[in-house]
Amino acid sequence: MAHSTIIQLLGNQSDYLLNHVSKTVEKSMIHPTGPDVIERLWIDSDRNIPTLNNLQRLFGHGRLANTGYLSILPVDQGIEHTAGASFAPNPIYFDPENIVKLALEADCNAVASTFGVLASVARKYAHKIPFVVKMNHNELLTYPNSYNQIPFGTVKEAWNLGAAAIGATIYFGSEESRRQIVEVAEAFEYAHELGMGTILWCYLRNNAFKKDGVDYHSAADLTGQADHIGVTIKADIIKQKLPTNNGGFPAIGFGKTNPGMYDQLSSQHPIDLCRYQVINGYMGRIGLINSGGESRGESDLAEAVYTAVVNKRAGGIGLIAGRKAFQKPMKDGVELIHAIQDVYLDKGITLA
């Protein structure tokens, strides 16, 4: 995708996003990603050699290989959102092989999915594209449903099917979040012992996070703290929703805040809101990938490019987009993922 096409898709927000200069946390303070990300940011950590090898596998595969950026296809929605609701727009994805084929056709760095999906085709594909096994889920057949992620398998099972990394979700703010923190921390430590990378879906879930008609589940201050807890339990990569607002702590009336969180470390600009997430990942030492969000139809391409530009200019390391890609014909899904990748390949789009 030419730079002009990116500008066209951004529309009247192109100047607002592409020419923004962040005056909150300056870019010189951020640890930027790049081709040498493993040597520069990970070599001094406690991660063992097999883990570093698998992190390099993730960063060294696909169309974004050796750029320091990641494009991951996640398809765990068959559990998280029910299979029927997720795959009705495109039933070919009931077949796990098509999930992996989409990731390969789109030249992604990795494919992230459930134990069952990846195990069913592991011998054919585990050596062709890095696997990320999503270990826990919130199944929707318990009624009434609760915000509870439970393990669907073991770290050893993920290792046995050839995974380069494991993924897990914690619903921060939910009644079960403390148990989930302990479970995931233990799983991540064992994954590192076996030589796998770790990716944490740092999501918020609490009905009280909606106040006076405003939803703060994607507030920069709340998601930033979730990210900070996530890197504390040694996630190698953080997955987070793009922030859409700020001020969740004072609006809801809990937690501890400082005025500088809002008038010095952030602003209302979307890139500055996302940068607040980045700095909570140890100033970018632990990479931030934002989620692509649900499919909305014709606006998907523009929304995906918008999210990629914000993430990249904030100091993030990529996008993990699922429904916007697999709920379309495969050709269109590949086109959308390539559009995202084009943003990260465009050397004219730099840190704000």
Protein backbone atom coordinates (compact mmCIF):
# COMPACT_ATOMS: atom_id res chain seq x y z
CA MET A 1 0.00 0.00 0.00
CA ALA A 2 1.44 3.35 -1.01
CA HIS A 3 1.73 6.09 1.60
CA SER A 4 -0.90 8.03 -0.34
CA THR A 5 -3.37 5.19 0.12
CA ILE A 6 -2.81 5.25 3.88
CA ILE A 7 -3.49 8.99 3.86
CA GLN A 8 -6.64 8.40 1.83
CA LEU A 9 -7.93 5.77 4.26
CA LEU A 10 -7.23 8.04 7.24
CA GLY A 11 -9.27 10.75 5.53
CA ASN A 12 -9.65 13.98 7.45
CA GLN A 13 -7.68 12.49 10.35
CA SER A 14 -4.49 11.97 8.33
CA ASP A 15 -2.78 15.21 9.34
CA TYR A 16 -4.01 14.83 12.93
CA LEU A 17 -2.39 11.40 13.19
CA LEU A 18 0.60 11.46 10.85
CA ASN A 19 1.96 14.86 11.90
CA HIS A 20 1.27 14.71 15.62
CA VAL A 21 4.26 15.48 17.85
CA SER A 22 3.87 13.97 21.30
CA LYS A 23 4.63 16.44 24.08
CA THR A 24 3.75 14.11 26.92
CA VAL A 25 6.38 11.35 27.12
CA GLU A 26 8.99 12.23 24.52
CA LYS A 27 10.00 9.58 22.01
CA SER A 28 13.60 9.69 23.27
CA MET A 29 12.36 8.02 26.48
CA ILE A 30 10.76 5.09 24.63
CA HIS A 31 12.64 1.88 23.88
CA PRO A 32 11.72 1.54 20.19
CA THR A 33 11.44 -1.78 18.46
CA GLY A 34 13.55 -2.61 15.43
CA PRO A 35 15.41 -5.38 13.58
CA ASP A 36 17.71 -5.86 16.60
CA VAL A 37 14.91 -6.01 19.19
CA ILE A 38 16.05 -9.34 20.67
CA GLU A 39 19.70 -8.31 21.02
CA ARG A 40 18.91 -4.82 22.26
CA LEU A 41 15.94 -5.33 24.59
CA TRP A 42 15.97 -9.01 25.56
CA ILE A 43 19.56 -10.20 25.69
CA ASP A 44 20.10 -8.90 29.24
CA SER A 45 16.86 -10.39 30.59
CA ASP A 46 16.47 -13.68 32.43
CA ARG A 47 14.85 -15.37 29.39
CA ASN A 48 16.73 -18.53 28.47
CA ILE A 49 18.22 -19.24 25.05
CA PRO A 50 15.29 -21.38 23.79
CA THR A 51 12.86 -18.58 24.72
CA LEU A 52 14.98 -16.01 22.91
CA ASN A 53 15.06 -18.35 19.90
CA ASN A 54 11.26 -18.57 19.85
CA LEU A 55 10.84 -14.82 20.28
CA GLN A 56 13.16 -14.41 17.31
CA ARG A 57 10.98 -16.91 15.40
CA LEU A 58 7.99 -14.63 16.01
CA PHE A 59 9.84 -11.49 14.95
CA GLY A 60 11.61 -13.23 12.07
CA HIS A 61 8.64 -14.70 10.22
CA GLY A 62 6.31 -13.35 7.57
CA ARG A 63 6.02 -10.09 5.70
CA LEU A 64 7.17 -8.04 8.70
CA ALA A 65 10.15 -10.33 9.35
CA ASN A 66 13.09 -8.63 11.04
CA THR A 67 11.41 -5.22 11.27
CA GLY A 68 10.67 -5.49 15.00
CA TYR A 69 6.92 -5.42 14.31
CA LEU A 70 4.31 -8.17 14.59
CA SER A 71 1.19 -9.03 12.62
CA ILE A 72 -0.65 -11.89 14.34
CA LEU A 73 -3.89 -13.59 13.32
CA PRO A 74 -5.90 -14.52 16.46
CA VAL A 75 -8.86 -16.87 16.15
CA ASP A 76 -10.09 -17.92 19.59
CA GLN A 77 -13.54 -16.43 19.10
CA GLY A 78 -15.09 -19.86 18.65
CA ILE A 79 -14.87 -20.13 22.43
CA GLU A 80 -14.89 -16.47 23.44
CA HIS A 81 -17.90 -15.45 21.29
CA THR A 82 -19.40 -18.86 20.32
CA ALA A 83 -18.42 -20.63 17.14
CA GLY A 84 -21.73 -20.04 15.41
CA ALA A 85 -21.71 -16.29 15.96
CA SER A 86 -18.05 -16.02 14.99
CA PHE A 87 -18.04 -18.18 11.87
CA ALA A 88 -21.54 -17.60 10.49
CA PRO A 89 -20.23 -14.78 8.25
CA ASN A 90 -17.68 -17.21 6.77
CA PRO A 91 -18.27 -20.89 7.67
CA ILE A 92 -15.01 -22.13 6.09
CA TYR A 93 -13.31 -21.17 9.36
CA PHE A 94 -15.07 -23.95 11.24
CA ASP A 95 -12.24 -25.96 9.61
CA PRO A 96 -9.03 -25.15 11.55
CA GLU A 97 -6.85 -25.61 8.48
CA ASN A 98 -8.38 -22.51 6.89
CA ILE A 99 -7.44 -20.45 9.94
CA VAL A 100 -3.80 -21.39 9.47
CA LYS A 101 -4.06 -20.94 5.70
CA LEU A 102 -5.32 -17.37 6.18
CA ALA A 103 -2.34 -16.57 8.42
CA LEU A 104 0.01 -18.06 5.81
CA GLU A 105 -1.66 -16.33 2.86
CA ALA A 106 -1.51 -13.01 4.72
CA ASP A 107 2.15 -13.67 5.61
CA CYS A 108 1.58 -13.09 9.32
CA ASN A 109 4.29 -13.46 11.94
CA ALA A 110 2.19 -16.03 13.79
CA VAL A 111 -1.25 -17.58 14.19
CA ALA A 112 -2.88 -17.61 17.65
CA SER A 113 -5.69 -20.03 18.42
CA THR A 114 -6.99 -22.71 20.75
CA PHE A 115 -5.43 -26.04 21.70
CA GLY A 116 -7.91 -27.90 19.50
CA VAL A 117 -7.45 -25.73 16.40
CA LEU A 118 -3.66 -25.82 16.41
CA ALA A 119 -3.29 -29.43 17.56
CA SER A 120 -5.56 -30.65 14.75
CA VAL A 121 -3.11 -29.45 12.08
CA ALA A 122 0.14 -29.23 14.04
CA ARG A 123 2.17 -31.81 12.09
CA LYS A 124 1.36 -30.10 8.82
CA TYR A 125 1.89 -26.47 9.82
CA ALA A 126 3.80 -26.00 13.12
CA HIS A 127 7.11 -25.77 11.24
CA LYS A 128 5.67 -23.41 8.59
CA ILE A 129 4.39 -20.61 10.82
CA PRO A 130 4.88 -19.93 14.56
CA PHE A 131 1.98 -21.15 16.69
CA VAL A 132 0.68 -19.20 19.70
CA VAL A 133 -1.56 -21.41 21.83
CA LYS A 134 -4.27 -19.46 23.65
CA MET A 135 -4.43 -21.36 26.94
CA ASN A 136 -7.45 -20.01 28.80
CA HIS A 137 -10.91 -18.87 27.80
CA ASN A 138 -14.22 -17.54 29.06
CA GLU A 139 -16.71 -20.10 27.78
CA LEU A 140 -20.26 -18.90 27.23
CA LEU A 141 -22.35 -21.95 28.20
CA THR A 142 -22.24 -21.32 31.93
CA TYR A 143 -25.38 -19.37 32.73
CA PRO A 144 -25.47 -16.72 33.94
CA ASN A 145 -22.09 -16.01 32.40
CA SER A 146 -19.32 -14.55 34.54
CA TYR A 147 -16.04 -12.82 33.73
CA ASN A 148 -13.88 -15.84 34.36
CA GLN A 149 -11.01 -17.20 32.29
CA ILE A 150 -10.17 -20.85 32.96
CA PRO A 151 -7.31 -23.00 31.60
CA PHE A 152 -8.27 -25.31 28.73
CA GLY A 153 -4.98 -27.20 28.74
CA THR A 154 -1.44 -27.22 30.08
CA VAL A 155 1.78 -25.46 29.17
CA LYS A 156 3.35 -28.84 28.39
CA GLU A 157 0.58 -29.60 25.89
CA ALA A 158 1.31 -26.33 24.10
CA TRP A 159 5.00 -27.20 23.99
CA ASN A 160 4.23 -30.70 22.69
CA LEU A 161 2.31 -29.38 19.69
CA GLY A 162 5.24 -27.16 18.73
CA ALA A 163 4.10 -23.74 19.96
CA ALA A 164 6.55 -20.86 19.80
CA ALA A 165 4.57 -19.02 22.48
CA ILE A 166 1.54 -19.30 24.71
CA GLY A 167 -1.18 -16.72 25.14
CA ALA A 168 -3.49 -16.08 28.06
CA THR A 169 -6.15 -13.60 29.14
CA ILE A 170 -6.64 -11.98 32.52
CA TYR A 171 -9.89 -10.11 33.17
CA PHE A 172 -8.51 -7.38 35.41
CA GLY A 173 -11.17 -5.92 37.68
CA SER A 174 -13.29 -9.08 37.75
CA GLU A 175 -13.99 -11.08 40.90
CA GLU A 176 -11.75 -13.88 39.60
CA SER A 177 -8.86 -11.68 38.50
CA ARG A 178 -6.56 -12.46 41.44
CA ARG A 179 -6.84 -16.20 40.84
CA GLN A 180 -6.22 -15.62 37.14
CA ILE A 181 -3.10 -13.55 37.91
CA VAL A 182 -1.65 -16.41 39.96
CA GLU A 183 -2.56 -19.06 37.34
CA VAL A 184 -1.14 -17.10 34.45
CA ALA A 185 2.03 -16.08 36.31
CA GLU A 186 2.75 -19.73 37.05
CA ALA A 187 1.99 -20.74 33.46
CA PHE A 188 4.26 -18.03 32.06
CA GLU A 189 7.15 -19.10 34.30
CA TYR A 190 6.84 -22.71 33.15
CA ALA A 191 6.51 -21.61 29.51
CA HIS A 192 9.80 -19.74 29.85
CA GLU A 193 11.44 -22.80 31.40
CA LEU A 194 10.39 -24.79 28.34
CA GLY A 195 11.57 -22.05 25.99
CA MET A 196 8.30 -20.48 24.81
CA GLY A 197 7.38 -16.82 24.61
CA THR A 198 4.39 -15.38 26.49
CA ILE A 199 1.63 -13.05 25.30
CA LEU A 200 -0.95 -11.61 27.70
CA TRP A 201 -4.40 -10.35 26.71
CA CYS A 202 -4.75 -7.60 29.38
CA TYR A 203 -8.49 -6.98 29.33
CA LEU A 204 -10.75 -5.27 31.85
CA ARG A 205 -14.10 -6.70 32.94
CA ASN A 206 -16.28 -5.10 35.59
CA ASN A 207 -19.74 -3.63 35.19
CA ALA A 208 -18.73 -0.85 37.59
CA PHE A 209 -16.25 0.39 34.97
CA LYS A 210 -19.23 1.96 33.21
CA LYS A 211 -20.16 5.25 34.85
CA ASP A 212 -22.71 7.91 33.87
CA GLY A 213 -23.09 6.46 30.40
CA VAL A 214 -19.32 6.31 29.73
CA ASP A 215 -17.52 2.98 29.30
CA TYR A 216 -14.04 3.05 30.85
CA HIS A 217 -13.06 -0.51 29.91
CA SER A 218 -10.67 1.00 27.38
CA ALA A 219 -9.60 4.03 29.41
CA ALA A 220 -5.87 4.74 29.14
CA ASP A 221 -5.32 4.88 32.91
CA LEU A 222 -7.12 1.60 33.63
CA THR A 223 -5.68 -0.32 30.67
CA GLY A 224 -2.24 1.12 31.37
CA GLN A 225 -2.30 -0.29 34.91
CA ALA A 226 -3.52 -3.65 33.58
CA ASP A 227 -0.54 -3.63 31.22
CA HIS A 228 1.80 -2.81 34.10
CA ILE A 229 0.53 -5.78 36.09
CA GLY A 230 0.90 -7.92 32.97
CA VAL A 231 4.57 -7.12 32.48
CA THR A 232 5.11 -7.69 36.19
CA ILE A 233 4.16 -11.35 35.76
CA LYS A 234 6.64 -11.56 32.85
CA ALA A 235 4.54 -11.30 29.75
CA ASP A 236 6.90 -10.88 26.78
CA ILE A 237 4.23 -9.12 24.73
CA ILE A 238 1.11 -7.29 25.89
CA LYS A 239 -2.14 -7.33 23.91
CA GLN A 240 -4.50 -4.49 24.75
CA LYS A 241 -7.45 -2.66 23.28
CA LEU A 242 -6.70 0.73 21.81
CA PRO A 243 -7.61 3.35 24.44
CA THR A 244 -10.66 5.43 23.61
CA ASN A 245 -10.81 7.70 26.66
CA ASN A 246 -9.10 8.44 29.97
CA GLY A 247 -9.87 9.23 33.58
CA GLY A 248 -11.37 5.91 34.59
CA PHE A 249 -9.95 6.00 38.13
CA PRO A 250 -11.36 9.41 39.14
CA ALA A 251 -14.67 8.82 37.34
CA ILE A 252 -15.32 5.53 39.10
CA GLY A 253 -13.78 6.71 42.36
CA PHE A 254 -11.18 4.09 43.20
CA GLY A 255 -7.46 3.43 42.92
CA LYS A 256 -4.67 5.95 43.37
CA THR A 257 -3.98 8.76 40.92
CA ASN A 258 -1.76 11.75 40.36
CA PRO A 259 -2.78 14.78 38.27
CA GLY A 260 0.34 14.24 36.18
CA MET A 261 -1.14 11.00 34.86
CA TYR A 262 -3.61 13.06 32.87
CA ASP A 263 -2.00 16.43 32.13
CA GLN A 264 1.67 15.42 31.79
CA LEU A 265 1.90 11.74 30.86
CA SER A 266 -1.07 11.82 28.50
CA SER A 267 -3.48 14.01 26.59
CA GLN A 268 -6.72 13.48 24.70
CA HIS A 269 -4.85 12.71 21.48
CA PRO A 270 -5.22 8.99 20.59
CA ILE A 271 -1.47 8.58 20.08
CA ASP A 272 -0.74 10.02 23.52
CA LEU A 273 -3.41 7.80 25.08
CA CYS A 274 -1.77 4.76 23.46
CA ARG A 275 1.69 5.96 24.52
CA TYR A 276 0.48 5.83 28.12
CA GLN A 277 -0.11 2.10 27.56
CA VAL A 278 3.38 1.79 26.04
CA ILE A 279 5.15 3.46 28.97
CA ASN A 280 3.41 1.11 31.40
CA GLY A 281 5.16 -1.73 29.56
CA TYR A 282 8.51 -0.56 30.95
CA MET A 283 8.80 2.30 28.45
CA GLY A 284 8.40 -0.11 25.55
CA ARG A 285 10.80 -2.80 26.74
CA ILE A 286 7.78 -5.14 26.69
CA GLY A 287 6.09 -4.64 23.34
CA LEU A 288 2.47 -3.51 23.02
CA ILE A 289 0.23 -4.93 20.35
CA ASN A 290 -3.27 -3.52 20.04
CA SER A 291 -6.33 -5.52 19.02
CA GLY A 292 -8.14 -4.96 15.76
CA GLY A 293 -11.61 -5.10 17.29
CA GLU A 294 -14.87 -6.41 15.92
CA SER A 295 -15.82 -6.41 12.25
CA ARG A 296 -18.08 -3.51 11.25
CA GLY A 297 -18.19 -4.17 7.52
CA GLU A 298 -17.13 -1.53 5.02
CA SER A 299 -15.26 0.57 7.60
CA ASP A 300 -12.96 -2.29 8.66
CA LEU A 301 -10.06 -1.38 6.38
CA ALA A 302 -9.96 2.27 7.46
CA GLU A 303 -10.35 1.33 11.15
CA ALA A 304 -7.54 -1.22 10.93
CA VAL A 305 -5.17 1.29 9.32
CA TYR A 306 -6.14 3.93 11.92
CA THR A 307 -5.33 1.52 14.77
CA ALA A 308 -2.02 0.52 13.20
CA VAL A 309 -0.93 4.14 12.73
CA VAL A 310 -1.81 5.04 16.33
CA ASN A 311 -0.04 1.96 17.70
CA LYS A 312 3.11 2.47 15.64
CA ARG A 313 3.45 6.20 16.29
CA ALA A 314 2.80 5.65 20.02
CA GLY A 315 5.68 3.15 20.23
CA GLY A 316 3.78 -0.11 19.94
CA ILE A 317 5.02 -3.13 18.01
CA GLY A 318 2.05 -4.32 15.99
CA LEU A 319 -1.52 -5.38 15.62
CA ILE A 320 -3.41 -8.58 16.32
CA ALA A 321 -6.49 -8.59 14.08
CA GLY A 322 -8.95 -11.47 13.84
CA ARG A 323 -12.63 -10.80 13.21
CA LYS A 324 -11.96 -7.99 10.76
CA ALA A 325 -10.04 -10.56 8.66
CA PHE A 326 -11.69 -13.97 9.02
CA GLN A 327 -15.28 -12.75 8.88
CA LYS A 328 -14.68 -11.92 5.22
CA PRO A 329 -13.82 -13.95 2.12
CA MET A 330 -10.20 -15.08 2.46
CA LYS A 331 -9.01 -12.77 -0.33
CA ASP A 332 -10.49 -9.74 1.45
CA GLY A 333 -9.10 -10.87 4.79
CA VAL A 334 -5.61 -11.12 3.30
CA GLU A 335 -6.01 -7.64 1.80
CA LEU A 336 -6.96 -6.17 5.17
CA ILE A 337 -4.02 -7.79 6.97
CA HIS A 338 -1.65 -6.59 4.26
CA ALA A 339 -3.00 -3.05 4.71
CA ILE A 340 -2.11 -3.25 8.40
CA GLN A 341 1.35 -4.57 7.58
CA ASP A 342 1.88 -1.75 5.07
CA VAL A 343 1.65 0.76 7.91
CA TYR A 344 4.50 -0.95 9.75
CA LEU A 345 6.56 -1.24 6.56
CA ASP A 346 6.12 2.45 5.77
CA LYS A 347 9.33 4.18 6.93
CA GLY A 348 7.59 7.55 6.71
CA ILE A 349 5.36 6.65 9.66
CA THR A 350 7.58 7.14 12.70
CA LEU A 351 7.45 7.59 16.47
CA ALA A 352 5.48 10.70 17.42
